[in-house]
PDB file of N, CA and C in Angstrom:
ATOM      1  N   MET A   1      14.225  -2.976  -9.612  1.00  0.00           N
ATOM      2  CA  MET A   1      12.847  -2.549  -9.790  1.00  0.00           C
ATOM      3  C   MET A   1      12.817  -1.238 -10.554  1.00  0.00           C
ATOM      4  N   ALA A   2      11.882  -1.148 -11.409  1.00  0.00           N
ATOM      5  CA  ALA A   2      11.766   0.070 -12.212  1.00  0.00           C
ATOM      6  C   ALA A   2      10.743   1.004 -11.596  1.00  0.00           C
ATOM      7  N   GLN A   3      11.164   2.214 -11.402  1.00  0.00           N
ATOM      8  CA  GLN A   3      10.223   3.220 -10.910  1.00  0.00           C
ATOM      9  C   GLN A   3       9.386   3.670 -12.085  1.00  0.00           C
ATOM     10  N   THR A   4       8.070   3.612 -11.953  1.00  0.00           N
ATOM     11  CA  THR A   4       7.199   3.968 -13.064  1.00  0.00           C
ATOM     12  C   THR A   4       6.600   5.351 -12.905  1.00  0.00           C
ATOM     13  N   GLU A   5       6.683   5.921 -11.734  1.00  0.00           N
ATOM     14  CA  GLU A   5       6.172   7.262 -11.461  1.00  0.00           C
ATOM     15  C   GLU A   5       7.027   7.871 -10.358  1.00  0.00           C
ATOM     16  N   PRO A   6       6.928   9.168 -10.140  1.00  0.00           N
ATOM     17  CA  PRO A   6       7.709   9.775  -9.059  1.00  0.00           C
ATOM     18  C   PRO A   6       7.423   9.129  -7.709  1.00  0.00           C
ATOM     19  N   ALA A   7       8.314   9.318  -6.785  1.00  0.00           N
ATOM     20  CA  ALA A   7       8.203   8.706  -5.458  1.00  0.00           C
ATOM     21  C   ALA A   7       7.086   9.297  -4.622  1.00  0.00           C
ATOM     22  N   GLN A   8       6.363  10.236  -5.166  1.00  0.00           N
ATOM     23  CA  GLN A   8       5.218  10.819  -4.471  1.00  0.00           C
ATOM     24  C   GLN A   8       5.608  11.470  -3.159  1.00  0.00           C
ATOM     25  N   GLY A   9       6.769  12.117  -3.145  1.00  0.00           N
ATOM     26  CA  GLY A   9       7.143  12.914  -1.985  1.00  0.00           C
ATOM     27  C   GLY A   9       7.784  12.167  -0.841  1.00  0.00           C
ATOM     28  N   VAL A  10       8.036  10.874  -0.977  1.00  0.00           N
ATOM     29  CA  VAL A  10       8.613  10.103   0.112  1.00  0.00           C
ATOM     30  C   VAL A  10       9.785   9.293  -0.424  1.00  0.00           C
ATOM     31  N   SER A  11      10.962   9.557   0.106  1.00  0.00           N
ATOM     32  CA  SER A  11      12.156   8.886  -0.394  1.00  0.00           C
ATOM     33  C   SER A  11      12.107   7.371  -0.199  1.00  0.00           C
ATOM     34  N   MET A  12      11.409   6.900   0.818  1.00  0.00           N
ATOM     35  CA  MET A  12      11.285   5.462   1.050  1.00  0.00           C
ATOM     36  C   MET A  12      10.730   4.733  -0.176  1.00  0.00           C
ATOM     37  N   PHE A  13       9.900   5.412  -0.933  1.00  0.00           N
ATOM     38  CA  PHE A  13       9.216   4.781  -2.056  1.00  0.00           C
ATOM     39  C   PHE A  13       9.878   5.044  -3.406  1.00  0.00           C
ATOM     40  N   LYS A  14      11.064   5.672  -3.407  1.00  0.00           N
ATOM     41  CA  LYS A  14      11.662   6.077  -4.680  1.00  0.00           C
ATOM     42  C   LYS A  14      12.038   4.895  -5.569  1.00  0.00           C
ATOM     43  N   THR A  15      12.257   3.720  -5.021  1.00  0.00           N
ATOM     44  CA  THR A  15      12.603   2.557  -5.838  1.00  0.00           C
ATOM     45  C   THR A  15      11.397   1.669  -6.129  1.00  0.00           C
ATOM     46  N   ALA A  16      10.242   2.061  -5.660  1.00  0.00           N
ATOM     47  CA  ALA A  16       9.045   1.224  -5.820  1.00  0.00           C
ATOM     48  C   ALA A  16       8.618   1.130  -7.276  1.00  0.00           C
ATOM     49  N   ASP A  17       8.093  -0.032  -7.614  1.00  0.00           N
ATOM     50  CA  ASP A  17       7.524  -0.281  -8.942  1.00  0.00           C
ATOM     51  C   ASP A  17       6.004  -0.194  -8.787  1.00  0.00           C
ATOM     52  N   LEU A  18       5.450   0.946  -9.141  1.00  0.00           N
ATOM     53  CA  LEU A  18       4.022   1.192  -8.921  1.00  0.00           C
ATOM     54  C   LEU A  18       3.138   0.285  -9.767  1.00  0.00           C
ATOM     55  N   LYS A  19       3.550  -0.020 -10.966  1.00  0.00           N
ATOM     56  CA  LYS A  19       2.746  -0.931 -11.810  1.00  0.00           C
ATOM     57  C   LYS A  19       2.670  -2.305 -11.159  1.00  0.00           C
ATOM     58  N   HIS A  20       3.798  -2.765 -10.609  1.00  0.00           N
ATOM     59  CA  HIS A  20       3.803  -4.055  -9.926  1.00  0.00           C
ATOM     60  C   HIS A  20       2.917  -4.007  -8.675  1.00  0.00           C
ATOM     61  N   GLY A  21       2.983  -2.898  -7.934  1.00  0.00           N
ATOM     62  CA  GLY A  21       2.120  -2.739  -6.763  1.00  0.00           C
ATOM     63  C   GLY A  21       0.653  -2.778  -7.136  1.00  0.00           C
ATOM     64  N   GLU A  22       0.290  -2.098  -8.212  1.00  0.00           N
ATOM     65  CA  GLU A  22      -1.101  -2.125  -8.687  1.00  0.00           C
ATOM     66  C   GLU A  22      -1.520  -3.547  -9.041  1.00  0.00           C
ATOM     67  N   HIS A  23      -0.632  -4.264  -9.717  1.00  0.00           N
ATOM     68  CA  HIS A  23      -0.920  -5.658 -10.087  1.00  0.00           C
ATOM     69  C   HIS A  23      -1.139  -6.517  -8.839  1.00  0.00           C
ATOM     70  N   LEU A  24      -0.283  -6.349  -7.838  1.00  0.00           N
ATOM     71  CA  LEU A  24      -0.430  -7.139  -6.610  1.00  0.00           C
ATOM     72  C   LEU A  24      -1.727  -6.807  -5.879  1.00  0.00           C
ATOM     73  N   ILE A  25      -2.084  -5.538  -5.833  1.00  0.00           N
ATOM     74  CA  ILE A  25      -3.341  -5.148  -5.181  1.00  0.00           C
ATOM     75  C   ILE A  25      -4.516  -5.829  -5.862  1.00  0.00           C
ATOM     76  N   ASP A  26      -4.498  -5.878  -7.172  1.00  0.00           N
ATOM     77  CA  ASP A  26      -5.564  -6.569  -7.914  1.00  0.00           C
ATOM     78  C   ASP A  26      -5.509  -8.071  -7.685  1.00  0.00           C
ATOM     79  N   GLU A  27      -4.324  -8.648  -7.806  1.00  0.00           N
ATOM     80  CA  GLU A  27      -4.152 -10.096  -7.676  1.00  0.00           C
ATOM     81  C   GLU A  27      -4.548 -10.599  -6.292  1.00  0.00           C
ATOM     82  N   LEU A  28      -4.199  -9.842  -5.274  1.00  0.00           N
ATOM     83  CA  LEU A  28      -4.492 -10.251  -3.897  1.00  0.00           C
ATOM     84  C   LEU A  28      -5.893  -9.842  -3.440  1.00  0.00           C
ATOM     85  N   ALA A  29      -6.627  -9.135  -4.301  1.00  0.00           N
ATOM     86  CA  ALA A  29      -8.000  -8.713  -4.027  1.00  0.00           C
ATOM     87  C   ALA A  29      -8.101  -7.867  -2.762  1.00  0.00           C
ATOM     88  N   CYS A  30      -7.168  -6.930  -2.613  1.00  0.00           N
ATOM     89  CA  CYS A  30      -7.146  -6.068  -1.429  1.00  0.00           C
ATOM     90  C   CYS A  30      -8.441  -5.263  -1.291  1.00  0.00           C
ATOM     91  N   ASP A  31      -8.910  -4.682  -2.385  1.00  0.00           N
ATOM     92  CA  ASP A  31     -10.125  -3.862  -2.317  1.00  0.00           C
ATOM     93  C   ASP A  31     -11.332  -4.681  -1.875  1.00  0.00           C
ATOM     94  N   GLU A  32     -11.435  -5.927  -2.347  1.00  0.00           N
ATOM     95  CA  GLU A  32     -12.561  -6.770  -1.953  1.00  0.00           C
ATOM     96  C   GLU A  32     -12.510  -7.108  -0.466  1.00  0.00           C
ATOM     97  N   CYS A  33     -11.319  -7.381   0.036  1.00  0.00           N
ATOM     98  CA  CYS A  33     -11.165  -7.666   1.461  1.00  0.00           C
ATOM     99  C   CYS A  33     -11.530  -6.440   2.295  1.00  0.00           C
ATOM    100  N   HIS A  34     -11.056  -5.272   1.862  1.00  0.00           N
ATOM    101  CA  HIS A  34     -11.370  -4.039   2.588  1.00  0.00           C
ATOM    102  C   HIS A  34     -12.868  -3.737   2.541  1.00  0.00           C
ATOM    103  N   ALA A  35     -13.502  -4.006   1.405  1.00  0.00           N
ATOM    104  CA  ALA A  35     -14.951  -3.784   1.288  1.00  0.00           C
ATOM    105  C   ALA A  35     -15.705  -4.681   2.278  1.00  0.00           C
ATOM    106  N   ARG A  36     -15.262  -5.916   2.441  1.00  0.00           N
ATOM    107  CA  ARG A  36     -15.907  -6.811   3.414  1.00  0.00           C
ATOM    108  C   ARG A  36     -15.746  -6.284   4.832  1.00  0.00           C
ATOM    109  N   ARG A  37     -14.619  -5.639   5.102  1.00  0.00           N
ATOM    110  CA  ARG A  37     -14.349  -5.144   6.454  1.00  0.00           C
ATOM    111  C   ARG A  37     -15.052  -3.836   6.775  1.00  0.00           C
ATOM    112  N   VAL A  38     -15.115  -2.910   5.790  1.00  0.00           N
ATOM    113  CA  VAL A  38     -15.647  -1.581   6.090  1.00  0.00           C
ATOM    114  C   VAL A  38     -16.853  -1.198   5.239  1.00  0.00           C
ATOM    115  N   GLY A  39     -17.226  -2.050   4.288  1.00  0.00           N
ATOM    116  CA  GLY A  39     -18.367  -1.749   3.431  1.00  0.00           C
ATOM    117  C   GLY A  39     -18.012  -0.838   2.273  1.00  0.00           C
ATOM    118  N   GLY A  40     -19.000  -0.556   1.456  1.00  0.00           N
ATOM    119  CA  GLY A  40     -18.799   0.304   0.296  1.00  0.00           C
ATOM    120  C   GLY A  40     -17.761  -0.271  -0.641  1.00  0.00           C
ATOM    121  N   ASP A  41     -16.921   0.601  -1.189  1.00  0.00           N
ATOM    122  CA  ASP A  41     -15.876   0.136  -2.099  1.00  0.00           C
ATOM    123  C   ASP A  41     -14.595  -0.251  -1.359  1.00  0.00           C
ATOM    124  N   GLY A  42     -14.597  -0.155  -0.042  1.00  0.00           N
ATOM    125  CA  GLY A  42     -13.446  -0.541   0.761  1.00  0.00           C
ATOM    126  C   GLY A  42     -12.450   0.567   1.017  1.00  0.00           C
ATOM    127  N   HIS A  43     -12.587   1.687   0.351  1.00  0.00           N
ATOM    128  CA  HIS A  43     -11.612   2.770   0.499  1.00  0.00           C
ATOM    129  C   HIS A  43     -11.736   3.518   1.822  1.00  0.00           C
ATOM    130  N   ALA A  44     -12.819   3.320   2.544  1.00  0.00           N
ATOM    131  CA  ALA A  44     -12.953   3.966   3.856  1.00  0.00           C
ATOM    132  C   ALA A  44     -11.901   3.453   4.839  1.00  0.00           C
ATOM    133  N   ILE A  45     -11.276   2.333   4.519  1.00  0.00           N
ATOM    134  CA  ILE A  45     -10.242   1.790   5.406  1.00  0.00           C
ATOM    135  C   ILE A  45      -8.995   2.663   5.414  1.00  0.00           C
ATOM    136  N   TYR A  46      -8.825   3.464   4.358  1.00  0.00           N
ATOM    137  CA  TYR A  46      -7.655   4.342   4.262  1.00  0.00           C
ATOM    138  C   TYR A  46      -7.963   5.659   4.953  1.00  0.00           C
ATOM    139  N   ARG A  47      -7.412   5.837   6.122  1.00  0.00           N
ATOM    140  CA  ARG A  47      -7.647   7.059   6.881  1.00  0.00           C
ATOM    141  C   ARG A  47      -6.307   7.711   7.174  1.00  0.00           C
ATOM    142  N   PRO A  48      -5.882   8.627   6.329  1.00  0.00           N
ATOM    143  CA  PRO A  48      -4.553   9.215   6.499  1.00  0.00           C
ATOM    144  C   PRO A  48      -4.296   9.834   7.865  1.00  0.00           C
ATOM    145  N   LYS A  49      -5.313  10.288   8.560  1.00  0.00           N
ATOM    146  CA  LYS A  49      -5.097  10.919   9.856  1.00  0.00           C
ATOM    147  C   LYS A  49      -5.331   9.952  11.010  1.00  0.00           C
ATOM    148  N   GLY A  50      -5.496   8.680  10.705  1.00  0.00           N
ATOM    149  CA  GLY A  50      -5.740   7.683  11.732  1.00  0.00           C
ATOM    150  C   GLY A  50      -4.468   7.012  12.203  1.00  0.00           C
ATOM    151  N   ARG A  51      -4.517   5.717  12.393  1.00  0.00           N
ATOM    152  CA  ARG A  51      -3.374   4.941  12.883  1.00  0.00           C
ATOM    153  C   ARG A  51      -2.175   5.020  11.957  1.00  0.00           C
ATOM    154  N   ILE A  52      -2.438   5.077  10.691  1.00  0.00           N
ATOM    155  CA  ILE A  52      -1.362   5.116   9.707  1.00  0.00           C
ATOM    156  C   ILE A  52      -0.980   6.581   9.513  1.00  0.00           C
ATOM    157  N   ASN A  53       0.078   6.990  10.190  1.00  0.00           N
ATOM    158  CA  ASN A  53       0.444   8.405  10.188  1.00  0.00           C
ATOM    159  C   ASN A  53       1.865   8.678   9.700  1.00  0.00           C
ATOM    160  N   SER A  54       2.461   7.678   9.052  1.00  0.00           N
ATOM    161  CA  SER A  54       3.803   7.853   8.500  1.00  0.00           C
ATOM    162  C   SER A  54       4.022   6.826   7.394  1.00  0.00           C
ATOM    163  N   PRO A  55       4.983   7.064   6.520  1.00  0.00           N
ATOM    164  CA  PRO A  55       5.290   6.076   5.486  1.00  0.00           C
ATOM    165  C   PRO A  55       5.691   4.719   6.078  1.00  0.00           C
ATOM    166  N   ALA A  56       6.449   4.736   7.161  1.00  0.00           N
ATOM    167  CA  ALA A  56       6.862   3.480   7.786  1.00  0.00           C
ATOM    168  C   ALA A  56       5.658   2.716   8.348  1.00  0.00           C
ATOM    169  N   ALA A  57       4.715   3.433   8.939  1.00  0.00           N
ATOM    170  CA  ALA A  57       3.503   2.783   9.455  1.00  0.00           C
ATOM    171  C   ALA A  57       2.682   2.198   8.311  1.00  0.00           C
ATOM    172  N   LEU A  58       2.651   2.875   7.186  1.00  0.00           N
ATOM    173  CA  LEU A  58       1.933   2.373   6.013  1.00  0.00           C
ATOM    174  C   LEU A  58       2.568   1.078   5.527  1.00  0.00           C
ATOM    175  N   ARG A  59       3.881   1.083   5.371  1.00  0.00           N
ATOM    176  CA  ARG A  59       4.578  -0.133   4.945  1.00  0.00           C
ATOM    177  C   ARG A  59       4.339  -1.254   5.953  1.00  0.00           C
ATOM    178  N   GLY A  60       4.381  -0.926   7.244  1.00  0.00           N
ATOM    179  CA  GLY A  60       4.134  -1.926   8.277  1.00  0.00           C
ATOM    180  C   GLY A  60       2.733  -2.503   8.218  1.00  0.00           C
ATOM    181  N   MET A  61       1.747  -1.677   7.910  1.00  0.00           N
ATOM    182  CA  MET A  61       0.373  -2.175   7.814  1.00  0.00           C
ATOM    183  C   MET A  61       0.207  -3.099   6.616  1.00  0.00           C
ATOM    184  N   VAL A  62       0.851  -2.776   5.511  1.00  0.00           N
ATOM    185  CA  VAL A  62       0.802  -3.671   4.349  1.00  0.00           C
ATOM    186  C   VAL A  62       1.413  -5.021   4.719  1.00  0.00           C
ATOM    187  N   GLN A  63       2.546  -4.991   5.429  1.00  0.00           N
ATOM    188  CA  GLN A  63       3.178  -6.239   5.864  1.00  0.00           C
ATOM    189  C   GLN A  63       2.268  -6.996   6.824  1.00  0.00           C
ATOM    190  N   TYR A  64       1.619  -6.287   7.732  1.00  0.00           N
ATOM    191  CA  TYR A  64       0.695  -6.908   8.682  1.00  0.00           C
ATOM    192  C   TYR A  64      -0.442  -7.620   7.936  1.00  0.00           C
ATOM    193  N   CYS A  65      -1.043  -6.939   6.965  1.00  0.00           N
ATOM    194  CA  CYS A  65      -2.129  -7.550   6.193  1.00  0.00           C
ATOM    195  C   CYS A  65      -1.637  -8.805   5.476  1.00  0.00           C
ATOM    196  N   ALA A  66      -0.467  -8.713   4.857  1.00  0.00           N
ATOM    197  CA  ALA A  66       0.084  -9.857   4.134  1.00  0.00           C
ATOM    198  C   ALA A  66       0.310 -11.039   5.075  1.00  0.00           C
ATOM    199  N   THR A  67       0.837 -10.757   6.249  1.00  0.00           N
ATOM    200  CA  THR A  67       1.095 -11.816   7.224  1.00  0.00           C
ATOM    201  C   THR A  67      -0.212 -12.430   7.723  1.00  0.00           C
ATOM    202  N   GLN A  68      -1.174 -11.584   8.076  1.00  0.00           N
ATOM    203  CA  GLN A  68      -2.455 -12.079   8.589  1.00  0.00           C
ATOM    204  C   GLN A  68      -3.199 -12.935   7.572  1.00  0.00           C
ATOM    205  N   LEU A  69      -3.048 -12.589   6.296  1.00  0.00           N
ATOM    206  CA  LEU A  69      -3.759 -13.307   5.235  1.00  0.00           C
ATOM    207  C   LEU A  69      -2.905 -14.370   4.569  1.00  0.00           C
ATOM    208  N   ASN A  70      -1.716 -14.592   5.132  1.00  0.00           N
ATOM    209  CA  ASN A  70      -0.802 -15.619   4.635  1.00  0.00           C
ATOM    210  C   ASN A  70      -0.428 -15.417   3.168  1.00  0.00           C
ATOM    211  N   HIS A  71      -0.199 -14.174   2.789  1.00  0.00           N
ATOM    212  CA  HIS A  71       0.277 -13.848   1.446  1.00  0.00           C
ATOM    213  C   HIS A  71       1.802 -13.773   1.514  1.00  0.00           C
ATOM    214  N   PRO A  72       2.495 -14.692   0.867  1.00  0.00           N
ATOM    215  CA  PRO A  72       3.961 -14.678   0.928  1.00  0.00           C
ATOM    216  C   PRO A  72       4.542 -13.596   0.008  1.00  0.00           C
ATOM    217  N   LEU A  73       4.768 -12.424   0.560  1.00  0.00           N
ATOM    218  CA  LEU A  73       5.296 -11.304  -0.217  1.00  0.00           C
ATOM    219  C   LEU A  73       6.750 -11.034   0.145  1.00  0.00           C
ATOM    220  N   PHE A  74       7.525 -10.671  -0.847  1.00  0.00           N
ATOM    221  CA  PHE A  74       8.894 -10.216  -0.619  1.00  0.00           C
ATOM    222  C   PHE A  74       8.836  -8.782  -0.096  1.00  0.00           C
ATOM    223  N   PRO A  75       9.873  -8.329   0.579  1.00  0.00           N
ATOM    224  CA  PRO A  75       9.891  -6.933   1.051  1.00  0.00           C
ATOM    225  C   PRO A  75       9.659  -5.929  -0.075  1.00  0.00           C
ATOM    226  N   GLU A  76      10.178  -6.224  -1.269  1.00  0.00           N
ATOM    227  CA  GLU A  76       9.971  -5.323  -2.407  1.00  0.00           C
ATOM    228  C   GLU A  76       8.492  -5.254  -2.794  1.00  0.00           C
ATOM    229  N   ASP A  77       7.793  -6.380  -2.668  1.00  0.00           N
ATOM    230  CA  ASP A  77       6.355  -6.406  -2.980  1.00  0.00           C
ATOM    231  C   ASP A  77       5.588  -5.518  -2.006  1.00  0.00           C
ATOM    232  N   VAL A  78       5.927  -5.624  -0.734  1.00  0.00           N
ATOM    233  CA  VAL A  78       5.280  -4.807   0.296  1.00  0.00           C
ATOM    234  C   VAL A  78       5.518  -3.329   0.003  1.00  0.00           C
ATOM    235  N   LEU A  79       6.755  -2.990  -0.348  1.00  0.00           N
ATOM    236  CA  LEU A  79       7.088  -1.608  -0.675  1.00  0.00           C
ATOM    237  C   LEU A  79       6.292  -1.127  -1.886  1.00  0.00           C
ATOM    238  N   ASP A  80       6.170  -1.969  -2.910  1.00  0.00           N
ATOM    239  CA  ASP A  80       5.431  -1.590  -4.119  1.00  0.00           C
ATOM    240  C   ASP A  80       3.963  -1.313  -3.800  1.00  0.00           C
ATOM    241  N   ILE A  81       3.358  -2.170  -2.998  1.00  0.00           N
ATOM    242  CA  ILE A  81       1.955  -1.973  -2.615  1.00  0.00           C
ATOM    243  C   ILE A  81       1.810  -0.697  -1.788  1.00  0.00           C
ATOM    244  N   ALA A  82       2.688  -0.519  -0.808  1.00  0.00           N
ATOM    245  CA  ALA A  82       2.626   0.674   0.037  1.00  0.00           C
ATOM    246  C   ALA A  82       2.801   1.942  -0.793  1.00  0.00           C
ATOM    247  N   ALA A  83       3.649   1.903  -1.799  1.00  0.00           N
ATOM    248  CA  ALA A  83       3.868   3.075  -2.649  1.00  0.00           C
ATOM    249  C   ALA A  83       2.610   3.437  -3.427  1.00  0.00           C
ATOM    250  N   VAL A  84       1.869   2.445  -3.882  1.00  0.00           N
ATOM    251  CA  VAL A  84       0.602   2.708  -4.579  1.00  0.00           C
ATOM    252  C   VAL A  84      -0.389   3.345  -3.606  1.00  0.00           C
ATOM    253  N   LEU A  85      -0.465   2.823  -2.401  1.00  0.00           N
ATOM    254  CA  LEU A  85      -1.367   3.399  -1.398  1.00  0.00           C
ATOM    255  C   LEU A  85      -0.941   4.815  -1.038  1.00  0.00           C
ATOM    256  N   GLN A  86       0.360   5.050  -0.965  1.00  0.00           N
ATOM    257  CA  GLN A  86       0.885   6.401  -0.729  1.00  0.00           C
ATOM    258  C   GLN A  86       0.395   7.340  -1.827  1.00  0.00           C
ATOM    259  N   ARG A  87       0.532   6.906  -3.061  1.00  0.00           N
ATOM    260  CA  ARG A  87       0.138   7.740  -4.200  1.00  0.00           C
ATOM    261  C   ARG A  87      -1.368   8.001  -4.230  1.00  0.00           C
ATOM    262  N   ASP A  88      -2.147   6.968  -3.967  1.00  0.00           N
ATOM    263  CA  ASP A  88      -3.591   7.055  -4.168  1.00  0.00           C
ATOM    264  C   ASP A  88      -4.377   7.534  -2.953  1.00  0.00           C
ATOM    265  N   HIS A  89      -3.832   7.343  -1.737  1.00  0.00           N
ATOM    266  CA  HIS A  89      -4.631   7.633  -0.547  1.00  0.00           C
ATOM    267  C   HIS A  89      -3.946   8.493   0.513  1.00  0.00           C
ATOM    268  N   TYR A  90      -2.679   8.268   0.750  1.00  0.00           N
ATOM    269  CA  TYR A  90      -2.046   8.874   1.926  1.00  0.00           C
ATOM    270  C   TYR A  90      -1.317  10.188   1.630  1.00  0.00           C
ATOM    271  N   ARG A  91      -0.468  10.204   0.646  1.00  0.00           N
ATOM    272  CA  ARG A  91       0.270  11.405   0.239  1.00  0.00           C
ATOM    273  C   ARG A  91       1.108  12.024   1.345  1.00  0.00           C
ATOM    274  N   PHE A  92       1.837  11.185   2.073  1.00  0.00           N
ATOM    275  CA  PHE A  92       2.775  11.679   3.082  1.00  0.00           C
ATOM    276  C   PHE A  92       3.905  12.425   2.381  1.00  0.00           C
ATOM    277  N   LYS A  93       4.564  13.286   3.116  1.00  0.00           N
ATOM    278  CA  LYS A  93       5.761  13.997   2.654  1.00  0.00           C
ATOM    279  C   LYS A  93       6.931  13.582   3.531  1.00  0.00           C
ATOM    280  N   ASP A  94       8.142  13.627   2.973  1.00  0.00           N
ATOM    281  CA  ASP A  94       9.351  13.369   3.779  1.00  0.00           C
ATOM    282  C   ASP A  94       9.527  14.451   4.807  1.00  0.00           C
TER     283      ASP A  94
END
């Protein structure tokens, strides 16, 4: 996997392919699903100080969503999506 941007402060995401993660988020319509759940543009679902309080919890939540929605993702896909969310919403540090 090609890293397209810095790991955003978390070593777990250093091998992530952010462009691929962005593509998967669009392809799987994550924002539309989140908008149905929380309203607005769906970004209110990202609460860095809530349940998702670590990079591992973020990766786990992405896997949970994929499993619940029957999206067959490889572990690398989950990591790529989580890395995009880390960059855009969470900004955890190692």
